[in-house]
Structure formats: C-alpha cells, structure tokens
C-alpha cells in the first residue's frame, strides 16, 4: 500500500512538472517569434492624441529635465536611461499604428525615433553626456518632423 502511494505521489510530481513546463513554454512570447501561433498585436482603442500623450508625454518631460545638464550622480543617469528606453521602445509601438496615408513615412519616422532613443539610452549607459545629448536632440528632430507631417506641425518639442 505504501509503495502504491509513493508511486502515485511520484507520478503526480512528474505530471505537475511536465504541466508547468508545457504551460511556461506555451505562454512565453518572444519578440522574434514568427510561428503561426504568435499573438496578434492589436492597439488599444484610443485616439492617436491620447496614445501619444499617454505614452510619450511623461517620459519626454522627465527626460527633458534629466538631460538639461550632465548628471551628477547615478540617479541622474538612471533617469536618462529609463526615460530614453521608454521612448525608444515607444517607437516600436508606433509601428503598430500606421496611418492609412503616408504609412511608409510614418514607419521611417518611427524607426528613427526608436534608433535615436536607443542611442540616448546606450550613451547614458556609458555616462557619455555629449553623446546622450546629441542623440536626444536627434530624437526630437525626428519627433518634430513626424508631428509636422502628421499633426499639422502641432506639438513641436523643445530640447
């Protein structure tokens, strides 16, 4: 009887582990997953104004303050890294919201924002203020060019 209980307990543990492994494997999503079962990216139903304001306005305002002068400590550099990373990744989300008209230009601007935001992040990791600042100004140039084309020139960003 004890032997059966031990065997059943061992079997239950093995089945539990297999189930956990299967669940973990099927629920994990990688950015490079090209399988036909990869989830579809669907934007939340929000206006472009609400999307831009909600996603980009806060990080831009905080980064503007953080990068106004060379950081004196780790917290200052962390603020630049954090906010620039959010803005760079936001460039990826812009790619999901292509307009019907001039979509190729939208993609160009989105990629430029992503790349220049990533450059701010990488320079900040190296504590390279001149490089961070240069990439930041480049990112704003791309943002403003996009706003000029797609938002009637409104919401121009100041470095």
Protein backbone atom coordinates (compact mmCIF):
# COMPACT_ATOMS: atom_id res chain seq x y z
CA UNK A 1 0.00 0.00 0.00
CA UNK A 2 2.79 2.45 0.94
CA UNK A 3 4.55 1.57 -2.26
CA UNK A 4 1.46 2.49 -4.31
CA UNK A 5 1.12 5.82 -2.51
CA UNK A 6 4.79 6.59 -3.11
CA UNK A 7 4.48 5.63 -6.77
CA UNK A 8 1.31 7.71 -7.21
CA UNK A 9 2.94 10.67 -5.44
CA UNK A 10 5.99 10.46 -7.67
CA UNK A 11 3.77 10.23 -10.75
CA UNK A 12 1.79 13.27 -9.59
CA UNK A 13 5.01 15.27 -9.15
CA UNK A 14 6.28 14.30 -12.60
CA UNK A 15 2.95 15.18 -14.21
CA UNK A 16 2.87 18.50 -12.36
CA UNK A 17 6.37 19.36 -13.56
CA UNK A 18 5.51 18.44 -17.13
CA UNK A 19 2.35 20.52 -16.98
CA UNK A 20 4.26 23.50 -15.60
CA UNK A 21 6.90 23.15 -18.33
CA UNK A 22 4.21 22.95 -21.03
CA UNK A 23 2.34 25.96 -19.64
CA UNK A 24 5.52 28.04 -19.33
CA UNK A 25 6.58 27.15 -22.86
CA UNK A 26 3.24 27.88 -24.49
CA UNK A 27 2.64 31.13 -22.58
CA UNK A 28 6.03 32.69 -23.25
CA UNK A 29 6.17 35.16 -26.11
CA UNK A 30 9.39 36.23 -27.74
CA UNK A 31 9.76 39.32 -29.91
CA UNK A 32 11.27 37.23 -32.72
CA UNK A 33 8.58 34.53 -32.62
CA UNK A 34 7.44 34.01 -36.21
CA UNK A 35 5.35 30.94 -35.57
CA UNK A 36 1.77 30.92 -36.85
CA UNK A 37 0.53 30.77 -33.25
CA UNK A 38 2.24 34.03 -32.24
CA UNK A 39 -0.27 36.51 -30.85
CA UNK A 40 -1.51 39.35 -32.99
CA UNK A 41 -0.55 42.82 -31.85
CA UNK A 42 -3.71 44.88 -31.54
CA UNK A 43 -3.59 48.53 -30.48
CA UNK A 44 -5.85 49.61 -27.63
CA UNK A 45 -8.77 51.58 -28.99
CA UNK A 46 -7.53 55.10 -28.28
CA UNK A 47 -7.17 58.21 -30.40
CA UNK A 48 -3.70 58.98 -31.69
CA UNK A 49 -3.69 62.08 -29.48
CA UNK A 50 -4.47 60.00 -26.38
CA UNK A 51 -1.90 57.40 -27.36
CA UNK A 52 0.87 59.94 -27.92
CA UNK A 53 0.03 61.88 -24.78
CA UNK A 54 -0.31 58.78 -22.62
CA UNK A 55 2.79 57.01 -23.84
CA UNK A 56 5.26 59.73 -24.77
CA UNK A 57 4.45 62.94 -22.91
CA UNK A 58 5.53 61.88 -19.41
CA UNK A 59 8.83 60.26 -20.41
CA UNK A 60 9.66 63.20 -22.72
CA UNK A 61 9.03 65.75 -19.96
CA UNK A 62 11.07 63.80 -17.41
CA UNK A 63 13.91 63.20 -19.88
CA UNK A 64 13.96 66.90 -20.82
CA UNK A 65 14.63 67.78 -17.17
CA UNK A 66 17.11 64.93 -16.61
CA UNK A 67 19.20 65.72 -19.68
CA UNK A 68 19.24 69.52 -19.29
CA UNK A 69 22.63 69.27 -17.58
CA UNK A 70 25.15 66.50 -17.07
CA UNK A 71 24.01 64.23 -14.21
CA UNK A 72 25.99 64.48 -11.00
CA UNK A 73 25.11 61.03 -9.72
CA UNK A 74 23.79 57.53 -10.55
CA UNK A 75 20.17 58.63 -10.10
CA UNK A 76 20.56 61.28 -12.78
CA UNK A 77 21.98 58.79 -15.25
CA UNK A 78 19.31 56.28 -14.33
CA UNK A 79 16.60 58.83 -15.15
CA UNK A 80 18.10 59.41 -18.60
CA UNK A 81 18.44 55.67 -19.26
CA UNK A 82 14.95 54.86 -18.07
CA UNK A 83 13.09 57.60 -19.92
CA UNK A 84 15.05 57.17 -23.15
CA UNK A 85 14.38 53.43 -23.08
CA UNK A 86 10.64 54.04 -22.75
CA UNK A 87 10.72 56.48 -25.67
CA UNK A 88 12.84 54.14 -27.82
CA UNK A 89 10.51 51.20 -27.19
CA UNK A 90 7.60 53.52 -27.91
CA UNK A 91 8.99 53.73 -31.43
CA UNK A 92 8.17 50.04 -31.78
CA UNK A 93 4.58 50.68 -30.69
CA UNK A 94 4.26 53.45 -33.28
CA UNK A 95 4.87 50.81 -35.95
CA UNK A 96 1.59 49.14 -34.99
CA UNK A 97 -0.40 52.35 -35.53
CA UNK A 98 0.38 53.17 -39.15
CA UNK A 99 -1.93 55.72 -40.75
CA UNK A 100 -3.70 54.92 -44.00
CA UNK A 101 -1.97 57.79 -45.78
CA UNK A 102 1.84 58.04 -45.95
CA UNK A 103 2.42 54.84 -43.95
CA UNK A 104 5.96 54.49 -45.33
CA UNK A 105 6.90 57.91 -43.98
CA UNK A 106 5.32 57.02 -40.62
CA UNK A 107 7.48 53.87 -40.47
CA UNK A 108 10.57 55.92 -41.34
CA UNK A 109 9.89 58.37 -38.50
CA UNK A 110 9.03 55.59 -36.05
CA UNK A 111 12.26 53.74 -36.77
CA UNK A 112 14.26 56.96 -36.48
CA UNK A 113 12.71 57.70 -33.07
CA UNK A 114 13.41 54.15 -31.93
CA UNK A 115 17.03 54.26 -33.09
CA UNK A 116 17.85 57.72 -31.73
CA UNK A 117 16.12 56.88 -28.43
CA UNK A 118 18.23 53.72 -28.25
CA UNK A 119 21.34 55.84 -28.87
CA UNK A 120 20.40 58.10 -25.94
CA UNK A 121 19.99 55.01 -23.77
CA UNK A 122 23.31 53.46 -24.86
CA UNK A 123 25.25 56.71 -24.41
CA UNK A 124 23.72 57.18 -20.96
CA UNK A 125 24.80 53.65 -20.00
CA UNK A 126 28.35 54.79 -20.82
CA UNK A 127 27.79 58.05 -18.90
CA UNK A 128 28.54 59.92 -22.13
CA UNK A 129 26.65 63.18 -21.70
CA UNK A 130 27.67 64.72 -25.03
CA UNK A 131 26.59 61.57 -26.87
CA UNK A 132 23.35 61.36 -24.88
CA UNK A 133 22.52 64.97 -25.56
CA UNK A 134 23.31 64.71 -29.28
CA UNK A 135 21.13 61.61 -29.66
CA UNK A 136 18.37 63.27 -27.63
CA UNK A 137 18.33 66.29 -29.93
CA UNK A 138 18.31 63.96 -32.95
CA UNK A 139 15.34 62.09 -31.50
CA UNK A 140 13.42 65.34 -31.04
CA UNK A 141 14.20 66.33 -34.62
CA UNK A 142 12.58 63.09 -35.78
CA UNK A 143 9.60 63.57 -33.45
CA UNK A 144 9.09 67.11 -34.70
CA UNK A 145 9.37 66.09 -38.36
CA UNK A 146 6.67 63.48 -37.76
CA UNK A 147 4.46 66.00 -35.92
CA UNK A 148 4.94 68.41 -38.80
CA UNK A 149 3.79 65.86 -41.36
CA UNK A 150 1.09 64.05 -39.39
CA UNK A 151 -0.11 66.63 -36.84
CA UNK A 152 -0.19 69.86 -38.84
CA UNK A 153 3.02 70.99 -37.16
CA UNK A 154 1.45 71.00 -33.70
CA UNK A 155 3.16 69.75 -30.54
CA UNK A 156 6.70 70.65 -31.54
CA UNK A 157 9.14 69.54 -28.86
CA UNK A 158 11.86 71.77 -27.42
CA UNK A 159 15.18 70.30 -26.36
